[in-house]
Amino acid sequence: MLLVANGRVITRDEAHPYFEDGAVVVDGTKIVEVGDRSALEGKYPDAEFLDARGAVIMPGLINAHTHIYSGLARGLAIKGCNPTNFLENLEQQWWKIDRNLNMEGTRASAYATILDCIRDGVTTIFDHHASFLEIPGSLFAIKDVAEETGMRACLCYETSDRDGEEKCDQAIAENAEFARWAAGQDSDMIAAMFGGHALFTLSDKTLDKMVEANDGLTGFHIHVCEGMNDVYDSLGNHGCTAVHRLLDHGLLGEKTMLGHCIHITPADMDVIAETKTMIVNNPGSNMNNAVGCAPVLEFFKRGITVGMGTDAYTHDVLESLKTFIMIQRHNSCMPNVAWGEDMAMLFKNNRTIAEKYFSAKPQGKPLGILAPGAAADIAIFDYKPFTPFSDENIDGHILFGFEGKACRTTIINGRVLYKDREFVDLDEEAINARILAASKQLWGELNGREY
């Protein structure tokens, strides 16, 4: 039994939202009690004590959309890469990376991404992978790394026609095989979705193949109208919007999640709402790619569940929390909007999305909350407020004062993975050396020289 104490506790439990000097009691993979430190220390005198050192104890964070395959790109400059639009960015950078990413590169990318997530207090990720050089077994390789490092992960492969029918069929098979494997596991740590890139690289034939291969196993995870090329393709080549193509082919539904949805119509929004399909917004990535501002405030008005992701632009979802409110206010020219939506996306809707994939498992537990029976996913952030701090202004402190790298300790499913800024059971130096070797090989393939 573990007693996490000596800090302010933010629970995200409406019944008991905050404890000034609180504690969280963990037994195995579950939280058994949350309350005042003095009372719980007396009640559980034999529990192992984990000292929060006066920091803030809160639920682990959830990232609803990221890309492990970009893990080796930090600092990379590909010769000739100078995109002037979103499609050129894909063609000149990201598709070149995934076409050169071998199995060891995939594993290294997973290590790089997951270790950074743990450092930032992220305890659950939804990944959308691409490694068209080596597709078969790639999701299982990522799964192995997630299990080794302790990350809770929902995985899928990016099906696409862009590299030909053979590679497309391999991607479909990888999704289907992994989804079948995940469905048969008595675990709430690894889950599967069925991935698709974007409609402009997916033919009608491929969409039908995806639905047939999935056979109702899981929901779909697809990029939709991130750039205008996706809009033009559906209208020009299929006579309808991208969302209506998905509807016509049977890919929408309450377990499907659409990435971005920046350039969709009001009618598209109504279809998404009616089918109870989810959307995930990635504000920092959208700004960086110059693709526009998603109409998230309109999504909320229609009752759509909108989560928050990073698209691997960062692994710090608190950075996305800050970016979202800025881009929405800038876009609407209104300094008083987006606060409630911002907090709902990260702390409520991401939890709703994650629970559809993890809490329904035989061993499943509520996520994103510190309450009895919930998963023991806990992040401790160093934060010493110099203004009043209480349950009345928690969100204001998080938005303007917290950042991922302030995380000092991360616990996932009751396992202390990162304590006082040191990994507990992982050899970080050895893993970093492995990542570096893989990145040098990848960079050499991309630029034709040694690093």
Protein backbone atom coordinates (compact mmCIF):
# COMPACT_ATOMS: atom_id res chain seq x y z
CA MET A 1 0.00 0.00 0.00
CA LEU A 2 1.25 3.48 -0.90
CA LEU A 3 0.42 6.81 0.78
CA VAL A 4 1.07 9.82 -1.48
CA ALA A 5 0.98 12.88 0.76
CA ASN A 6 2.44 16.19 1.91
CA GLY A 7 0.95 18.29 -0.87
CA ARG A 8 -2.14 20.05 -2.15
CA VAL A 9 -4.49 17.49 -3.75
CA ILE A 10 -6.56 18.34 -6.82
CA THR A 11 -8.93 15.42 -7.37
CA ARG A 12 -11.20 16.42 -10.31
CA ASP A 13 -13.89 14.72 -8.21
CA GLU A 14 -16.82 17.14 -7.91
CA ALA A 15 -17.81 15.68 -4.53
CA HIS A 16 -14.39 16.43 -3.00
CA PRO A 17 -12.42 18.64 -5.42
CA TYR A 18 -9.55 19.82 -3.22
CA PHE A 19 -7.58 19.06 -0.06
CA GLU A 20 -5.20 21.74 1.16
CA ASP A 21 -2.98 19.21 2.96
CA GLY A 22 -4.13 15.99 1.43
CA ALA A 23 -3.19 12.43 0.69
CA VAL A 24 -3.99 9.67 -1.78
CA VAL A 25 -3.94 6.03 -0.69
CA VAL A 26 -3.08 3.45 -3.35
CA ASP A 27 -3.52 -0.30 -3.07
CA GLY A 28 -2.16 -2.17 -6.06
CA THR A 29 -3.47 -0.50 -9.21
CA LYS A 30 -6.35 1.38 -7.56
CA ILE A 31 -6.92 4.39 -5.38
CA VAL A 32 -8.68 3.33 -2.20
CA GLU A 33 -9.09 6.65 -0.44
CA VAL A 34 -8.45 10.38 -0.84
CA GLY A 35 -8.65 12.87 1.99
CA ASP A 36 -6.86 14.93 4.61
CA ARG A 37 -3.30 13.88 5.27
CA SER A 38 -3.60 13.67 9.06
CA ALA A 39 -6.61 11.38 8.93
CA LEU A 40 -5.17 9.03 6.30
CA GLU A 41 -1.74 8.82 7.91
CA GLY A 42 -3.47 7.66 11.08
CA LYS A 43 -5.69 5.21 9.22
CA TYR A 44 -2.88 3.65 7.16
CA PRO A 45 0.18 3.72 9.44
CA ASP A 46 1.95 0.86 7.63
CA ALA A 47 1.61 2.28 4.12
CA GLU A 48 4.77 3.22 2.24
CA PHE A 49 5.07 7.02 2.33
CA LEU A 50 5.72 8.92 -0.91
CA ASP A 51 6.57 12.51 -0.07
CA ALA A 52 5.15 15.10 -2.47
CA ARG A 53 7.40 17.71 -0.82
CA GLY A 54 4.70 20.36 -0.70
CA ALA A 55 3.89 20.05 -4.42
CA VAL A 56 0.50 19.57 -6.12
CA ILE A 57 -0.89 16.06 -6.36
CA MET A 58 -3.35 15.58 -9.23
CA PRO A 59 -4.65 12.99 -11.69
CA GLY A 60 -2.27 11.90 -14.42
CA LEU A 61 -2.84 13.71 -17.71
CA ILE A 62 -4.31 12.19 -20.88
CA ASN A 63 -3.10 13.01 -24.41
CA ALA A 64 -5.85 12.09 -26.88
CA HIS A 65 -3.77 12.35 -30.07
CA THR A 66 -0.05 12.01 -30.67
CA HIS A 67 2.38 10.48 -33.18
CA ILE A 68 5.13 8.25 -31.81
CA TYR A 69 6.70 7.98 -35.26
CA SER A 70 7.89 11.60 -35.05
CA GLY A 71 9.97 10.79 -31.97
CA LEU A 72 13.32 10.99 -33.76
CA ALA A 73 12.64 14.27 -35.59
CA ARG A 74 13.75 16.73 -32.91
CA GLY A 75 16.51 18.89 -34.40
CA LEU A 76 16.22 17.22 -37.82
CA ALA A 77 16.53 19.29 -40.99
CA ILE A 78 15.83 17.31 -44.16
CA LYS A 79 17.71 18.57 -47.19
CA GLY A 80 15.32 20.30 -49.58
CA CYS A 81 12.49 20.56 -47.06
CA ASN A 82 10.98 24.03 -47.43
CA PRO A 83 7.19 23.60 -47.44
CA THR A 84 4.87 26.43 -48.41
CA ASN A 85 1.65 24.60 -47.52
CA PHE A 86 0.43 21.70 -45.41
CA LEU A 87 0.58 19.05 -48.14
CA GLU A 88 4.17 19.98 -48.95
CA ASN A 89 4.99 19.67 -45.26
CA LEU A 90 3.66 16.11 -45.30
CA GLU A 91 5.43 15.22 -48.52
CA GLN A 92 8.77 16.84 -47.73
CA GLN A 93 9.03 15.92 -44.07
CA TRP A 94 6.67 13.48 -42.35
CA TRP A 95 6.09 11.02 -45.16
CA LYS A 96 9.83 10.88 -45.82
CA ILE A 97 10.43 10.08 -42.16
CA ASP A 98 7.88 7.27 -41.98
CA ARG A 99 9.11 5.76 -45.26
CA ASN A 100 12.56 5.39 -43.70
CA LEU A 101 11.49 4.26 -40.23
CA ASN A 102 12.49 0.65 -39.61
CA MET A 103 11.39 -1.50 -36.66
CA GLU A 104 14.24 -0.38 -34.42
CA GLY A 105 13.42 3.22 -35.33
CA THR A 106 9.82 2.60 -34.32
CA ARG A 107 10.93 1.19 -30.96
CA ALA A 108 13.31 4.09 -30.40
CA SER A 109 10.57 6.57 -31.28
CA ALA A 110 8.29 4.90 -28.75
CA TYR A 111 10.92 5.15 -26.02
CA ALA A 112 11.59 8.81 -26.84
CA THR A 113 7.91 9.75 -26.84
CA ILE A 114 6.86 7.77 -23.79
CA LEU A 115 9.73 8.88 -21.58
CA ASP A 116 8.98 12.50 -22.41
CA CYS A 117 5.29 11.93 -21.66
CA ILE A 118 6.11 10.45 -18.26
CA ARG A 119 8.38 13.41 -17.50
CA ASP A 120 5.42 15.70 -18.27
CA GLY A 121 2.93 13.89 -16.05
CA VAL A 122 1.09 12.21 -18.94
CA THR A 123 -0.20 8.77 -17.98
CA THR A 124 -2.37 7.82 -20.99
CA ILE A 125 -1.72 8.35 -24.69
CA PHE A 126 -3.67 7.76 -27.90
CA ASP A 127 -1.11 7.18 -30.64
CA HIS A 128 -1.50 7.22 -34.42
CA HIS A 129 1.51 5.45 -35.90
CA ALA A 130 3.11 5.35 -39.37
CA SER A 131 6.23 3.48 -40.48
CA PHE A 132 5.69 2.51 -44.08
CA LEU A 133 9.19 1.04 -44.40
CA GLU A 134 8.23 -1.73 -41.92
CA ILE A 135 4.53 -2.08 -41.14
CA PRO A 136 3.88 -5.67 -39.91
CA GLY A 137 4.52 -5.95 -36.19
CA SER A 138 5.01 -2.21 -35.65
CA LEU A 139 2.06 -1.80 -33.27
CA PHE A 140 3.22 -4.80 -31.28
CA ALA A 141 6.70 -3.27 -31.04
CA ILE A 142 5.21 -0.07 -29.64
CA LYS A 143 3.04 -2.13 -27.30
CA ASP A 144 6.13 -3.86 -25.93
CA VAL A 145 7.79 -0.53 -25.18
CA ALA A 146 4.62 0.81 -23.56
CA GLU A 147 4.42 -2.25 -21.31
CA GLU A 148 8.09 -2.02 -20.38
CA THR A 149 7.91 1.66 -19.52
CA GLY A 150 4.48 1.44 -17.86
CA MET A 151 2.54 3.75 -20.18
CA ARG A 152 -1.20 3.32 -20.69
CA ALA A 153 -1.61 3.43 -24.48
CA CYS A 154 -4.27 3.14 -27.17
CA LEU A 155 -2.58 2.36 -30.49
CA CYS A 156 -3.47 2.29 -34.17
CA TYR A 157 -1.73 2.29 -37.55
CA GLU A 158 -2.17 5.01 -40.19
CA THR A 159 -3.82 3.24 -43.13
CA SER A 160 -3.20 5.10 -46.39
CA ASP A 161 -3.15 4.52 -50.14
CA ARG A 162 -0.23 6.90 -50.60
CA ASP A 163 2.41 4.15 -50.89
CA GLY A 164 0.43 1.68 -52.96
CA GLU A 165 -1.98 -1.20 -52.45
CA GLU A 166 0.49 -3.64 -50.87
CA LYS A 167 1.47 -1.20 -48.11
CA CYS A 168 -2.16 -0.20 -47.63
CA ASP A 169 -3.20 -3.82 -47.17
CA GLN A 170 -0.35 -4.35 -44.70
CA ALA A 171 -1.58 -1.37 -42.69
CA ILE A 172 -5.13 -2.70 -42.62
CA ALA A 173 -3.88 -6.11 -41.53
CA GLU A 174 -1.72 -4.59 -38.76
CA ASN A 175 -4.68 -2.63 -37.41
CA ALA A 176 -6.95 -5.66 -37.50
CA GLU A 177 -4.45 -8.06 -35.96
CA PHE A 178 -3.60 -5.67 -33.15
CA ALA A 179 -7.26 -4.86 -32.49
CA ARG A 180 -8.06 -8.58 -32.21
CA TRP A 181 -5.12 -9.07 -29.86
CA ALA A 182 -6.12 -6.13 -27.67
CA ALA A 183 -9.74 -7.26 -27.51
CA GLY A 184 -8.62 -10.60 -26.14
CA GLN A 185 -6.47 -9.16 -23.35
CA ASP A 186 -7.61 -8.97 -19.75
CA SER A 187 -5.93 -5.59 -19.40
CA ASP A 188 -6.81 -1.93 -19.09
CA MET A 189 -3.32 -0.74 -20.04
CA ILE A 190 -3.20 -1.39 -23.80
CA ALA A 191 -6.08 -0.74 -26.20
CA ALA A 192 -6.57 -0.42 -29.94
CA MET A 193 -8.29 1.80 -32.46
CA PHE A 194 -8.34 1.34 -36.24
CA GLY A 195 -6.24 4.07 -37.84
CA GLY A 196 -6.61 5.92 -41.11
CA HIS A 197 -4.54 8.81 -42.37
CA ALA A 198 -6.89 11.34 -43.98
CA LEU A 199 -9.62 11.08 -46.57
CA PHE A 200 -7.49 12.51 -49.38
CA THR A 201 -5.17 9.48 -49.14
CA LEU A 202 -7.97 6.94 -48.64
CA SER A 203 -10.02 5.59 -51.55
CA ASP A 204 -13.60 4.40 -51.17
CA LYS A 205 -12.30 0.86 -51.71
CA THR A 206 -9.87 1.27 -48.82
CA LEU A 207 -12.51 2.70 -46.51
CA ASP A 208 -14.67 -0.35 -47.17
CA LYS A 209 -11.69 -2.65 -46.56
CA MET A 210 -11.06 -0.93 -43.23
CA VAL A 211 -14.66 -1.41 -42.09
CA GLU A 212 -14.64 -5.05 -43.15
CA ALA A 213 -11.32 -5.80 -41.44
CA ASN A 214 -12.34 -4.01 -38.27
CA ASP A 215 -15.61 -5.95 -38.11
CA GLY A 216 -16.90 -3.87 -35.22
CA LEU A 217 -13.88 -4.55 -33.00
CA THR A 218 -13.14 -0.94 -32.18
CA GLY A 219 -13.55 2.67 -33.26
CA PHE A 220 -11.66 4.52 -35.98
CA HIS A 221 -9.01 7.19 -35.46
CA ILE A 222 -8.71 9.38 -38.56
CA HIS A 223 -7.48 12.84 -39.53
CA VAL A 224 -10.27 14.93 -41.02
CA CYS A 225 -10.00 18.29 -42.83
CA GLU A 226 -6.77 19.32 -41.17
CA GLY A 227 -5.83 21.09 -44.39
CA MET A 228 -7.89 22.41 -47.29
CA ASN A 229 -6.55 19.71 -49.63
CA ASP A 230 -8.71 17.22 -47.71
CA VAL A 231 -11.75 19.44 -48.36
CA TYR A 232 -10.99 19.84 -52.07
CA ASP A 233 -10.40 16.11 -52.56
CA SER A 234 -13.73 15.01 -51.10
CA LEU A 235 -15.73 17.68 -52.90
CA GLY A 236 -13.91 17.40 -56.22
CA ASN A 237 -13.43 13.65 -56.43
CA HIS A 238 -16.33 12.29 -54.40
CA GLY A 239 -19.04 14.94 -54.57
CA CYS A 240 -19.46 15.31 -50.81
CA THR A 241 -17.63 16.42 -47.70
CA ALA A 242 -15.06 14.27 -45.92
CA VAL A 243 -17.41 13.76 -42.98
CA HIS A 244 -20.19 12.55 -45.27
CA ARG A 245 -17.77 10.11 -46.91
CA LEU A 246 -17.07 8.65 -43.50
CA LEU A 247 -20.79 8.50 -42.78
CA ASP A 248 -21.55 6.83 -46.11
CA HIS A 249 -18.92 4.15 -45.50
CA GLY A 250 -19.93 3.46 -41.90
CA LEU A 251 -16.89 4.77 -40.04
CA LEU A 252 -18.60 7.23 -37.70
CA GLY A 253 -19.91 6.34 -34.25
CA GLU A 254 -19.47 6.79 -30.53
CA LYS A 255 -16.04 5.10 -30.42
CA THR A 256 -14.62 6.88 -33.48
CA MET A 257 -12.38 9.90 -33.02
CA LEU A 258 -11.70 12.47 -35.74
CA GLY A 259 -8.51 14.47 -35.56
CA HIS A 260 -8.53 18.23 -36.20
CA CYS A 261 -11.79 18.91 -38.15
CA ILE A 262 -10.66 22.46 -38.85
CA HIS A 263 -12.46 22.98 -42.15
CA ILE A 264 -15.79 21.20 -41.67
CA THR A 265 -19.25 22.62 -42.32
CA PRO A 266 -22.14 23.18 -39.88
CA ALA A 267 -23.89 20.23 -41.52
CA ASP A 268 -20.79 18.10 -40.88
CA MET A 269 -20.90 19.13 -37.23
CA ASP A 270 -24.51 18.03 -37.01
CA VAL A 271 -23.63 14.63 -38.47
CA ILE A 272 -20.78 14.23 -35.98
CA ALA A 273 -23.07 15.19 -33.11
CA GLU A 274 -25.90 12.92 -34.25
CA THR A 275 -23.57 9.90 -34.58
CA LYS A 276 -21.92 10.70 -31.22
CA THR A 277 -18.53 10.72 -32.92
CA MET A 278 -15.67 12.37 -31.00
CA ILE A 279 -13.22 15.05 -32.14
CA VAL A 280 -9.71 15.73 -30.86
CA ASN A 281 -8.22 19.21 -31.19
CA ASN A 282 -4.48 19.86 -31.47
CA PRO A 283 -4.06 23.64 -31.17
CA GLY A 284 -0.27 23.96 -31.10
CA SER A 285 0.23 21.70 -34.09
CA ASN A 286 -2.50 23.50 -36.04
CA MET A 287 -0.80 26.85 -35.48
CA ASN A 288 2.61 25.44 -36.36
CA ASN A 289 1.31 23.91 -39.60
CA ALA A 290 -0.58 27.10 -40.47
CA VAL A 291 -3.74 25.13 -41.21
CA GLY A 292 -6.21 27.28 -39.27
CA CYS A 293 -8.24 27.37 -36.09
CA ALA A 294 -10.78 24.59 -35.49
CA PRO A 295 -14.28 25.85 -34.61
CA VAL A 296 -14.20 24.10 -31.25
CA LEU A 297 -16.62 26.53 -29.61
CA GLU A 298 -19.20 25.53 -32.23
CA PHE A 299 -18.48 21.87 -31.56
CA PHE A 300 -19.33 22.40 -27.91
CA LYS A 301 -22.58 24.17 -28.76
CA ARG A 302 -23.64 21.05 -30.66
CA GLY A 303 -22.80 18.74 -27.77
CA ILE A 304 -19.83 17.07 -29.48
CA THR A 305 -17.25 15.45 -27.20
CA VAL A 306 -14.02 17.29 -28.02
CA GLY A 307 -10.76 16.11 -26.51
CA MET A 308 -7.30 17.64 -26.45
CA GLY A 309 -4.17 16.26 -28.08
CA THR A 310 -0.73 17.48 -28.97
CA ASP A 311 -0.21 15.84 -32.40
CA ALA A 312 3.35 15.28 -31.08
CA TYR A 313 4.13 18.97 -31.58
CA THR A 314 4.83 18.71 -27.87
CA HIS A 315 4.31 15.99 -25.28
CA ASP A 316 3.23 18.54 -22.69
CA VAL A 317 -0.57 18.70 -22.83
CA LEU A 318 -0.49 21.64 -20.40
CA GLU A 319 1.22 23.56 -23.21
CA SER A 320 -1.73 22.69 -25.44
CA LEU A 321 -4.07 23.89 -22.69
CA LYS A 322 -2.39 27.31 -22.83
CA THR A 323 -2.25 27.40 -26.63
CA PHE A 324 -5.92 26.49 -27.09
CA ILE A 325 -7.29 29.46 -25.21
CA MET A 326 -4.97 31.85 -27.05
CA ILE A 327 -5.82 30.66 -30.56
CA GLN A 328 -9.56 30.59 -29.84
CA ARG A 329 -9.59 34.09 -28.39
CA HIS A 330 -7.36 35.41 -31.16
CA ASN A 331 -9.58 33.82 -33.81
CA SER A 332 -12.83 35.11 -32.31
CA CYS A 333 -11.40 38.52 -31.35
CA MET A 334 -13.00 37.96 -27.93
CA PRO A 335 -10.91 37.93 -24.74
CA ASN A 336 -13.60 36.24 -22.65
CA VAL A 337 -14.21 32.95 -24.49
CA ALA A 338 -12.87 29.39 -24.42
CA TRP A 339 -12.03 29.10 -20.71
CA GLY A 340 -14.68 26.51 -19.88
CA GLU A 341 -14.14 24.59 -23.11
CA ASP A 342 -10.37 24.51 -22.51
CA MET A 343 -10.69 22.95 -19.08
CA ALA A 344 -13.46 20.58 -20.19
CA MET A 345 -11.36 19.22 -23.05
CA LEU A 346 -8.33 18.26 -20.98
CA PHE A 347 -9.85 17.36 -17.65
CA LYS A 348 -13.31 16.04 -18.56
CA ASN A 349 -13.57 15.03 -22.21
CA ASN A 350 -10.16 13.34 -22.42
CA ARG A 351 -11.28 11.28 -19.47
CA THR A 352 -14.54 10.40 -21.27
CA ILE A 353 -12.61 9.38 -24.39
CA ALA A 354 -10.09 7.29 -22.45
CA GLU A 355 -12.71 5.50 -20.42
CA LYS A 356 -14.38 4.24 -23.61
CA TYR A 357 -11.21 2.30 -24.34
CA PHE A 358 -9.79 1.39 -20.94
CA SER A 359 -12.50 1.44 -18.28
CA ALA A 360 -14.69 -1.01 -20.19
CA LYS A 361 -12.01 -3.69 -19.89
CA PRO A 362 -12.50 -6.45 -17.28
CA GLN A 363 -9.92 -4.79 -15.04
CA GLY A 364 -10.98 -1.28 -16.07
CA LYS A 365 -11.08 1.63 -13.65
CA PRO A 366 -12.13 5.28 -13.97
CA LEU A 367 -9.33 7.48 -15.32
CA GLY A 368 -8.41 11.14 -14.87
CA ILE A 369 -9.75 11.41 -11.32
CA LEU A 370 -8.44 10.87 -7.79
CA ALA A 371 -11.27 8.99 -6.11
CA PRO A 372 -11.84 5.58 -4.52
CA GLY A 373 -11.84 2.86 -7.17
CA ALA A 374 -10.13 5.00 -9.82
CA ALA A 375 -6.92 3.99 -11.55
CA ALA A 376 -3.84 4.98 -9.57
CA ASP A 377 -2.62 7.39 -12.26
CA ILE A 378 -1.08 10.30 -10.36
CA ALA A 379 1.15 13.22 -11.32
CA ILE A 380 2.90 15.48 -8.81
CA PHE A 381 3.82 18.96 -9.99
CA ASP A 382 6.19 21.36 -8.28
CA TYR A 383 4.28 24.58 -7.82
CA LYS A 384 4.61 27.12 -5.03
CA PRO A 385 1.82 29.67 -5.41
CA PHE A 386 2.43 33.27 -4.42
CA THR A 387 -1.27 34.12 -4.64
CA PRO A 388 -4.26 32.46 -2.91
CA PHE A 389 -4.77 28.87 -4.05
CA SER A 390 -8.01 26.99 -3.40
CA ASP A 391 -10.74 24.95 -5.04
CA GLU A 392 -12.16 28.24 -6.34
CA ASN A 393 -9.22 29.03 -8.63
CA ILE A 394 -7.46 25.74 -9.37
CA ASP A 395 -7.90 26.10 -13.14
CA GLY A 396 -6.43 29.60 -13.15
CA HIS A 397 -3.32 28.37 -11.41
CA ILE A 398 -2.98 25.41 -13.75
CA LEU A 399 -3.46 27.51 -16.89
CA PHE A 400 -1.07 30.29 -15.96
CA GLY A 401 1.32 28.56 -13.58
CA PHE A 402 1.78 24.90 -14.44
CA GLU A 403 3.90 23.32 -17.15
CA GLY A 404 4.80 19.74 -17.94
CA LYS A 405 8.45 19.92 -16.98
CA ALA A 406 7.39 20.94 -13.46
CA CYS A 407 6.31 17.33 -12.95
CA ARG A 408 8.47 15.70 -10.30
CA THR A 409 6.76 12.30 -9.88
CA THR A 410 4.55 10.15 -12.13
CA ILE A 411 2.62 7.06 -11.07
CA ILE A 412 0.72 4.93 -13.61
CA ASN A 413 -1.61 2.14 -12.56
CA GLY A 414 -0.04 2.17 -9.11
CA ARG A 415 3.51 1.83 -10.42
CA VAL A 416 5.91 4.61 -9.45
CA LEU A 417 7.72 5.20 -12.74
CA TYR A 418 9.32 8.60 -12.19
CA LYS A 419 10.20 9.83 -8.71
CA ASP A 420 11.77 13.16 -7.85
CA ARG A 421 12.72 13.58 -11.54
CA GLU A 422 14.47 10.22 -11.84
CA PHE A 423 13.17 7.12 -13.62
CA VAL A 424 12.76 4.33 -11.09
CA ASP A 425 13.17 1.06 -13.04
CA LEU A 426 14.54 2.27 -16.36
CA ASP A 427 18.14 2.90 -17.40
CA GLU A 428 17.61 6.30 -18.95
CA GLU A 429 21.18 6.64 -20.21
CA ALA A 430 21.08 3.28 -21.99
CA ILE A 431 17.69 4.08 -23.54
CA ASN A 432 18.93 7.49 -24.69
CA ALA A 433 21.95 5.85 -26.33
CA ARG A 434 19.64 3.47 -28.18
CA ILE A 435 17.44 6.36 -29.33
CA LEU A 436 20.50 8.30 -30.51
CA ALA A 437 21.80 5.37 -32.55
CA ALA A 438 18.43 4.91 -34.24
CA SER A 439 18.08 8.62 -34.96
CA LYS A 440 21.55 8.76 -36.53
CA GLN A 441 20.62 5.90 -38.84
CA LEU A 442 17.32 7.56 -39.79
CA TRP A 443 18.88 10.96 -40.36
CA GLY A 444 21.60 9.36 -42.48
CA GLU A 445 19.00 7.67 -44.68
CA LEU A 446 17.11 10.93 -45.11
CA ASN A 447 20.09 13.17 -45.90
CA GLY A 448 22.60 10.72 -47.36
CA ARG A 449 25.39 11.36 -44.86
CA GLU A 450 26.65 10.16 -41.52
CA TYR A 451 25.80 11.82 -38.22
